[in-house]
Amino acid sequence: MLYSIATKLPETVSAYRQVLAKHVGSGGISNASQLDFSIEYLKNKQLKGGVDLEEFAKDCGVGVKLTQ
């Protein structure tokens, strides 16, 4: 997933690359769908004036584990 961060994250939100990498490394973001949503979330929030990292973690389900 770190490769996905490097290739999918646009320059407009590149300042959040370390934040995403930290959450992937810790297992807080644990699948490709969650990562894709997180990237889209960052892009949308950045266009609207900025990102609150606590809100980001809550809205993107960082640390939430889904089971079947």
PDB file of N, CA and C in Angstrom:
ATOM      1  N   MET A   1       0.806  -1.187   0.000  1.00  0.00           N
ATOM      2  CA  MET A   1       0.000   0.000   0.000  1.00  0.00           C
ATOM      3  C   MET A   1       0.857   1.261   0.000  1.00  0.00           C
ATOM      4  N   LEU A   2       2.081   1.152   0.470  1.00  0.00           N
ATOM      5  CA  LEU A   2       2.966   2.312   0.434  1.00  0.00           C
ATOM      6  C   LEU A   2       3.235   2.731  -1.008  1.00  0.00           C
ATOM      7  N   TYR A   3       3.318   1.748  -1.906  1.00  0.00           N
ATOM      8  CA  TYR A   3       3.492   2.048  -3.326  1.00  0.00           C
ATOM      9  C   TYR A   3       2.295   2.842  -3.837  1.00  0.00           C
ATOM     10  N   SER A   4       1.105   2.474  -3.410  1.00  0.00           N
ATOM     11  CA  SER A   4      -0.099   3.191  -3.825  1.00  0.00           C
ATOM     12  C   SER A   4      -0.080   4.634  -3.358  1.00  0.00           C
ATOM     13  N   ILE A   5       0.414   4.860  -2.151  1.00  0.00           N
ATOM     14  CA  ILE A   5       0.524   6.238  -1.659  1.00  0.00           C
ATOM     15  C   ILE A   5       1.450   7.033  -2.574  1.00  0.00           C
ATOM     16  N   ALA A   6       2.558   6.431  -2.938  1.00  0.00           N
ATOM     17  CA  ALA A   6       3.546   7.124  -3.773  1.00  0.00           C
ATOM     18  C   ALA A   6       3.013   7.402  -5.171  1.00  0.00           C
ATOM     19  N   THR A   7       2.184   6.513  -5.703  1.00  0.00           N
ATOM     20  CA  THR A   7       1.735   6.670  -7.086  1.00  0.00           C
ATOM     21  C   THR A   7       0.373   7.338  -7.222  1.00  0.00           C
ATOM     22  N   LYS A   8      -0.494   7.210  -6.241  1.00  0.00           N
ATOM     23  CA  LYS A   8      -1.861   7.741  -6.364  1.00  0.00           C
ATOM     24  C   LYS A   8      -2.062   9.108  -5.726  1.00  0.00           C
ATOM     25  N   LEU A   9      -1.212   9.471  -4.809  1.00  0.00           N
ATOM     26  CA  LEU A   9      -1.407  10.715  -4.071  1.00  0.00           C
ATOM     27  C   LEU A   9      -0.985  11.906  -4.935  1.00  0.00           C
ATOM     28  N   PRO A  10      -1.920  12.797  -5.263  1.00  0.00           N
ATOM     29  CA  PRO A  10      -1.562  13.950  -6.104  1.00  0.00           C
ATOM     30  C   PRO A  10      -0.742  14.975  -5.335  1.00  0.00           C
ATOM     31  N   GLU A  11      -0.067  15.820  -6.077  1.00  0.00           N
ATOM     32  CA  GLU A  11       0.777  16.859  -5.468  1.00  0.00           C
ATOM     33  C   GLU A  11      -0.011  17.789  -4.553  1.00  0.00           C
ATOM     34  N   THR A  12      -1.285  17.991  -4.856  1.00  0.00           N
ATOM     35  CA  THR A  12      -2.090  18.925  -4.066  1.00  0.00           C
ATOM     36  C   THR A  12      -2.222  18.494  -2.609  1.00  0.00           C
ATOM     37  N   VAL A  13      -2.064  17.221  -2.332  1.00  0.00           N
ATOM     38  CA  VAL A  13      -2.160  16.721  -0.955  1.00  0.00           C
ATOM     39  C   VAL A  13      -0.905  15.954  -0.539  1.00  0.00           C
ATOM     40  N   SER A  14       0.190  16.211  -1.224  1.00  0.00           N
ATOM     41  CA  SER A  14       1.431  15.483  -0.918  1.00  0.00           C
ATOM     42  C   SER A  14       1.931  15.755   0.499  1.00  0.00           C
ATOM     43  N   ALA A  15       1.498  16.841   1.099  1.00  0.00           N
ATOM     44  CA  ALA A  15       1.896  17.147   2.474  1.00  0.00           C
ATOM     45  C   ALA A  15       1.392  16.089   3.453  1.00  0.00           C
ATOM     46  N   TYR A  16       0.392  15.310   3.048  1.00  0.00           N
ATOM     47  CA  TYR A  16      -0.188  14.279   3.917  1.00  0.00           C
ATOM     48  C   TYR A  16       0.375  12.884   3.646  1.00  0.00           C
ATOM     49  N   ARG A  17       1.400  12.800   2.819  1.00  0.00           N
ATOM     50  CA  ARG A  17       2.010  11.503   2.484  1.00  0.00           C
ATOM     51  C   ARG A  17       2.508  10.791   3.739  1.00  0.00           C
ATOM     52  N   GLN A  18       3.172  11.506   4.629  1.00  0.00           N
ATOM     53  CA  GLN A  18       3.690  10.883   5.853  1.00  0.00           C
ATOM     54  C   GLN A  18       2.566  10.430   6.772  1.00  0.00           C
ATOM     55  N   VAL A  19       1.486  11.203   6.820  1.00  0.00           N
ATOM     56  CA  VAL A  19       0.341  10.826   7.645  1.00  0.00           C
ATOM     57  C   VAL A  19      -0.249   9.505   7.152  1.00  0.00           C
ATOM     58  N   LEU A  20      -0.449   9.396   5.844  1.00  0.00           N
ATOM     59  CA  LEU A  20      -0.979   8.152   5.286  1.00  0.00           C
ATOM     60  C   LEU A  20      -0.023   6.985   5.527  1.00  0.00           C
ATOM     61  N   ALA A  21       1.270   7.219   5.292  1.00  0.00           N
ATOM     62  CA  ALA A  21       2.261   6.158   5.490  1.00  0.00           C
ATOM     63  C   ALA A  21       2.281   5.683   6.941  1.00  0.00           C
ATOM     64  N   LYS A  22       2.153   6.615   7.874  1.00  0.00           N
ATOM     65  CA  LYS A  22       2.127   6.251   9.295  1.00  0.00           C
ATOM     66  C   LYS A  22       0.927   5.367   9.604  1.00  0.00           C
ATOM     67  N   HIS A  23      -0.236   5.723   9.074  1.00  0.00           N
ATOM     68  CA  HIS A  23      -1.441   4.936   9.336  1.00  0.00           C
ATOM     69  C   HIS A  23      -1.381   3.563   8.655  1.00  0.00           C
ATOM     70  N   VAL A  24      -0.781   3.488   7.479  1.00  0.00           N
ATOM     71  CA  VAL A  24      -0.604   2.188   6.818  1.00  0.00           C
ATOM     72  C   VAL A  24       0.375   1.338   7.616  1.00  0.00           C
ATOM     73  N   GLY A  25       1.490   1.925   8.028  1.00  0.00           N
ATOM     74  CA  GLY A  25       2.506   1.194   8.788  1.00  0.00           C
ATOM     75  C   GLY A  25       2.000   0.660  10.112  1.00  0.00           C
ATOM     76  N   SER A  26       1.125   1.417  10.757  1.00  0.00           N
ATOM     77  CA  SER A  26       0.600   0.990  12.057  1.00  0.00           C
ATOM     78  C   SER A  26      -0.599   0.055  11.929  1.00  0.00           C
ATOM     79  N   GLY A  27      -1.086  -0.120  10.703  1.00  0.00           N
ATOM     80  CA  GLY A  27      -2.249  -0.974  10.493  1.00  0.00           C
ATOM     81  C   GLY A  27      -3.569  -0.234  10.619  1.00  0.00           C
ATOM     82  N   GLY A  28      -3.524   1.064  10.848  1.00  0.00           N
ATOM     83  CA  GLY A  28      -4.736   1.852  10.965  1.00  0.00           C
ATOM     84  C   GLY A  28      -5.514   1.926   9.668  1.00  0.00           C
ATOM     85  N   ILE A  29      -4.789   1.997   8.565  1.00  0.00           N
ATOM     86  CA  ILE A  29      -5.377   1.853   7.226  1.00  0.00           C
ATOM     87  C   ILE A  29      -4.889   0.509   6.738  1.00  0.00           C
ATOM     88  N   SER A  30      -5.826  -0.439   6.590  1.00  0.00           N
ATOM     89  CA  SER A  30      -5.395  -1.828   6.408  1.00  0.00           C
ATOM     90  C   SER A  30      -5.800  -2.474   5.096  1.00  0.00           C
ATOM     91  N   ASN A  31      -6.474  -1.730   4.204  1.00  0.00           N
ATOM     92  CA  ASN A  31      -6.806  -2.331   2.915  1.00  0.00           C
ATOM     93  C   ASN A  31      -6.845  -1.253   1.834  1.00  0.00           C
ATOM     94  N   ALA A  32      -6.817  -1.693   0.579  1.00  0.00           N
ATOM     95  CA  ALA A  32      -6.735  -0.769  -0.546  1.00  0.00           C
ATOM     96  C   ALA A  32      -7.963   0.127  -0.644  1.00  0.00           C
ATOM     97  N   SER A  33      -9.122  -0.390  -0.342  1.00  0.00           N
ATOM     98  CA  SER A  33     -10.343   0.421  -0.411  1.00  0.00           C
ATOM     99  C   SER A  33     -10.296   1.560   0.596  1.00  0.00           C
ATOM    100  N   GLN A  34      -9.831   1.264   1.785  1.00  0.00           N
ATOM    101  CA  GLN A  34      -9.729   2.285   2.825  1.00  0.00           C
ATOM    102  C   GLN A  34      -8.686   3.339   2.432  1.00  0.00           C
ATOM    103  N   LEU A  35      -7.601   2.908   1.826  1.00  0.00           N
ATOM    104  CA  LEU A  35      -6.578   3.846   1.377  1.00  0.00           C
ATOM    105  C   LEU A  35      -7.116   4.729   0.260  1.00  0.00           C
ATOM    106  N   ASP A  36      -7.802   4.134  -0.709  1.00  0.00           N
ATOM    107  CA  ASP A  36      -8.370   4.907  -1.814  1.00  0.00           C
ATOM    108  C   ASP A  36      -9.361   5.946  -1.287  1.00  0.00           C
ATOM    109  N   PHE A  37     -10.212   5.540  -0.340  1.00  0.00           N
ATOM    110  CA  PHE A  37     -11.158   6.478   0.245  1.00  0.00           C
ATOM    111  C   PHE A  37     -10.424   7.603   0.967  1.00  0.00           C
ATOM    112  N   SER A  38      -9.372   7.260   1.689  1.00  0.00           N
ATOM    113  CA  SER A  38      -8.605   8.259   2.434  1.00  0.00           C
ATOM    114  C   SER A  38      -7.980   9.292   1.498  1.00  0.00           C
ATOM    115  N   ILE A  39      -7.458   8.831   0.373  1.00  0.00           N
ATOM    116  CA  ILE A  39      -6.866   9.747  -0.598  1.00  0.00           C
ATOM    117  C   ILE A  39      -7.932  10.672  -1.178  1.00  0.00           C
ATOM    118  N   GLU A  40      -9.085  10.129  -1.540  1.00  0.00           N
ATOM    119  CA  GLU A  40     -10.174  10.952  -2.064  1.00  0.00           C
ATOM    120  C   GLU A  40     -10.653  11.948  -1.016  1.00  0.00           C
ATOM    121  N   TYR A  41     -10.742  11.503   0.214  1.00  0.00           N
ATOM    122  CA  TYR A  41     -11.150  12.373   1.323  1.00  0.00           C
ATOM    123  C   TYR A  41     -10.187  13.551   1.440  1.00  0.00           C
ATOM    124  N   LEU A  42      -8.892  13.266   1.418  1.00  0.00           N
ATOM    125  CA  LEU A  42      -7.896  14.330   1.536  1.00  0.00           C
ATOM    126  C   LEU A  42      -8.006  15.315   0.379  1.00  0.00           C
ATOM    127  N   LYS A  43      -8.183  14.812  -0.838  1.00  0.00           N
ATOM    128  CA  LYS A  43      -8.307  15.689  -1.998  1.00  0.00           C
ATOM    129  C   LYS A  43      -9.524  16.601  -1.855  1.00  0.00           C
ATOM    130  N   ASN A  44     -10.650  16.045  -1.460  1.00  0.00           N
ATOM    131  CA  ASN A  44     -11.874  16.840  -1.325  1.00  0.00           C
ATOM    132  C   ASN A  44     -11.761  17.877  -0.215  1.00  0.00           C
ATOM    133  N   LYS A  45     -11.237  17.477   0.930  1.00  0.00           N
ATOM    134  CA  LYS A  45     -11.109  18.407   2.051  1.00  0.00           C
ATOM    135  C   LYS A  45     -10.097  19.510   1.750  1.00  0.00           C
ATOM    136  N   GLN A  46      -9.032  19.167   1.063  1.00  0.00           N
ATOM    137  CA  GLN A  46      -8.020  20.164   0.732  1.00  0.00           C
ATOM    138  C   GLN A  46      -8.627  21.240  -0.171  1.00  0.00           C
ATOM    139  N   LEU A  47      -9.477  20.840  -1.096  1.00  0.00           N
ATOM    140  CA  LEU A  47     -10.137  21.802  -1.979  1.00  0.00           C
ATOM    141  C   LEU A  47     -11.083  22.717  -1.207  1.00  0.00           C
ATOM    142  N   LYS A  48     -11.593  22.226  -0.082  1.00  0.00           N
ATOM    143  CA  LYS A  48     -12.544  23.000   0.716  1.00  0.00           C
ATOM    144  C   LYS A  48     -11.870  23.793   1.823  1.00  0.00           C
ATOM    145  N   GLY A  49     -10.549  23.821   1.839  1.00  0.00           N
ATOM    146  CA  GLY A  49      -9.885  24.699   2.787  1.00  0.00           C
ATOM    147  C   GLY A  49      -8.961  24.055   3.793  1.00  0.00           C
ATOM    148  N   GLY A  50      -8.848  22.761   3.811  1.00  0.00           N
ATOM    149  CA  GLY A  50      -7.899  22.139   4.726  1.00  0.00           C
ATOM    150  C   GLY A  50      -8.422  20.877   5.374  1.00  0.00           C
ATOM    151  N   VAL A  51      -7.526  20.190   6.025  1.00  0.00           N
ATOM    152  CA  VAL A  51      -7.827  18.886   6.612  1.00  0.00           C
ATOM    153  C   VAL A  51      -7.568  18.938   8.107  1.00  0.00           C
ATOM    154  N   ASP A  52      -8.548  18.509   8.881  1.00  0.00           N
ATOM    155  CA  ASP A  52      -8.392  18.320  10.317  1.00  0.00           C
ATOM    156  C   ASP A  52      -8.017  16.838  10.495  1.00  0.00           C
ATOM    157  N   LEU A  53      -6.837  16.569  11.022  1.00  0.00           N
ATOM    158  CA  LEU A  53      -6.346  15.191  11.077  1.00  0.00           C
ATOM    159  C   LEU A  53      -7.161  14.300  12.006  1.00  0.00           C
ATOM    160  N   GLU A  54      -7.724  14.837  13.061  1.00  0.00           N
ATOM    161  CA  GLU A  54      -8.585  14.029  13.935  1.00  0.00           C
ATOM    162  C   GLU A  54      -9.876  13.666  13.210  1.00  0.00           C
ATOM    163  N   GLU A  55     -10.432  14.628  12.494  1.00  0.00           N
ATOM    164  CA  GLU A  55     -11.630  14.380  11.702  1.00  0.00           C
ATOM    165  C   GLU A  55     -11.333  13.375  10.592  1.00  0.00           C
ATOM    166  N   PHE A  56     -10.170  13.509   9.977  1.00  0.00           N
ATOM    167  CA  PHE A  56      -9.741  12.571   8.935  1.00  0.00           C
ATOM    168  C   PHE A  56      -9.730  11.138   9.472  1.00  0.00           C
ATOM    169  N   ALA A  57      -9.098  10.939  10.612  1.00  0.00           N
ATOM    170  CA  ALA A  57      -8.989   9.597  11.191  1.00  0.00           C
ATOM    171  C   ALA A  57     -10.367   9.018  11.493  1.00  0.00           C
ATOM    172  N   LYS A  58     -11.249   9.834  12.031  1.00  0.00           N
ATOM    173  CA  LYS A  58     -12.593   9.368  12.367  1.00  0.00           C
ATOM    174  C   LYS A  58     -13.399   9.061  11.104  1.00  0.00           C
ATOM    175  N   ASP A  59     -13.405   9.989  10.152  1.00  0.00           N
ATOM    176  CA  ASP A  59     -14.213   9.837   8.945  1.00  0.00           C
ATOM    177  C   ASP A  59     -13.725   8.719   8.034  1.00  0.00           C
ATOM    178  N   CYS A  60     -12.422   8.447   8.058  1.00  0.00           N
ATOM    179  CA  CYS A  60     -11.856   7.407   7.190  1.00  0.00           C
ATOM    180  C   CYS A  60     -11.738   6.056   7.884  1.00  0.00           C
ATOM    181  N   GLY A  61     -12.151   5.980   9.126  1.00  0.00           N
ATOM    182  CA  GLY A  61     -12.132   4.702   9.843  1.00  0.00           C
ATOM    183  C   GLY A  61     -10.741   4.203  10.183  1.00  0.00           C
ATOM    184  N   VAL A  62      -9.818   5.120  10.407  1.00  0.00           N
ATOM    185  CA  VAL A  62      -8.457   4.707  10.770  1.00  0.00           C
ATOM    186  C   VAL A  62      -8.510   3.926  12.059  1.00  0.00           C
ATOM    187  N   GLY A  63      -7.969   2.728  12.022  1.00  0.00           N
ATOM    188  CA  GLY A  63      -7.943   1.855  13.195  1.00  0.00           C
ATOM    189  C   GLY A  63      -9.140   0.932  13.303  1.00  0.00           C
ATOM    190  N   VAL A  64     -10.127   1.091  12.433  1.00  0.00           N
ATOM    191  CA  VAL A  64     -11.318   0.232  12.459  1.00  0.00           C
ATOM    192  C   VAL A  64     -11.018  -1.029  11.650  1.00  0.00           C
ATOM    193  N   LYS A  65     -11.273  -2.167  12.239  1.00  0.00           N
ATOM    194  CA  LYS A  65     -11.055  -3.456  11.571  1.00  0.00           C
ATOM    195  C   LYS A  65     -12.401  -4.079  11.246  1.00  0.00           C
ATOM    196  N   LEU A  66     -12.599  -4.435  10.012  1.00  0.00           N
ATOM    197  CA  LEU A  66     -13.841  -5.089   9.579  1.00  0.00           C
ATOM    198  C   LEU A  66     -13.598  -6.578   9.418  1.00  0.00           C
ATOM    199  N   THR A  67     -14.536  -7.365   9.859  1.00  0.00           N
ATOM    200  CA  THR A  67     -14.460  -8.817   9.697  1.00  0.00           C
ATOM    201  C   THR A  67     -15.728  -9.307   9.035  1.00  0.00           C
ATOM    202  N   GLN A  68     -15.630 -10.486   8.464  1.00  0.00           N
ATOM    203  CA  GLN A  68     -16.814 -11.060   7.818  1.00  0.00           C
ATOM    204  C   GLN A  68     -17.466 -12.067   8.704  1.00  0.00           C
TER     205      GLN A  68
END
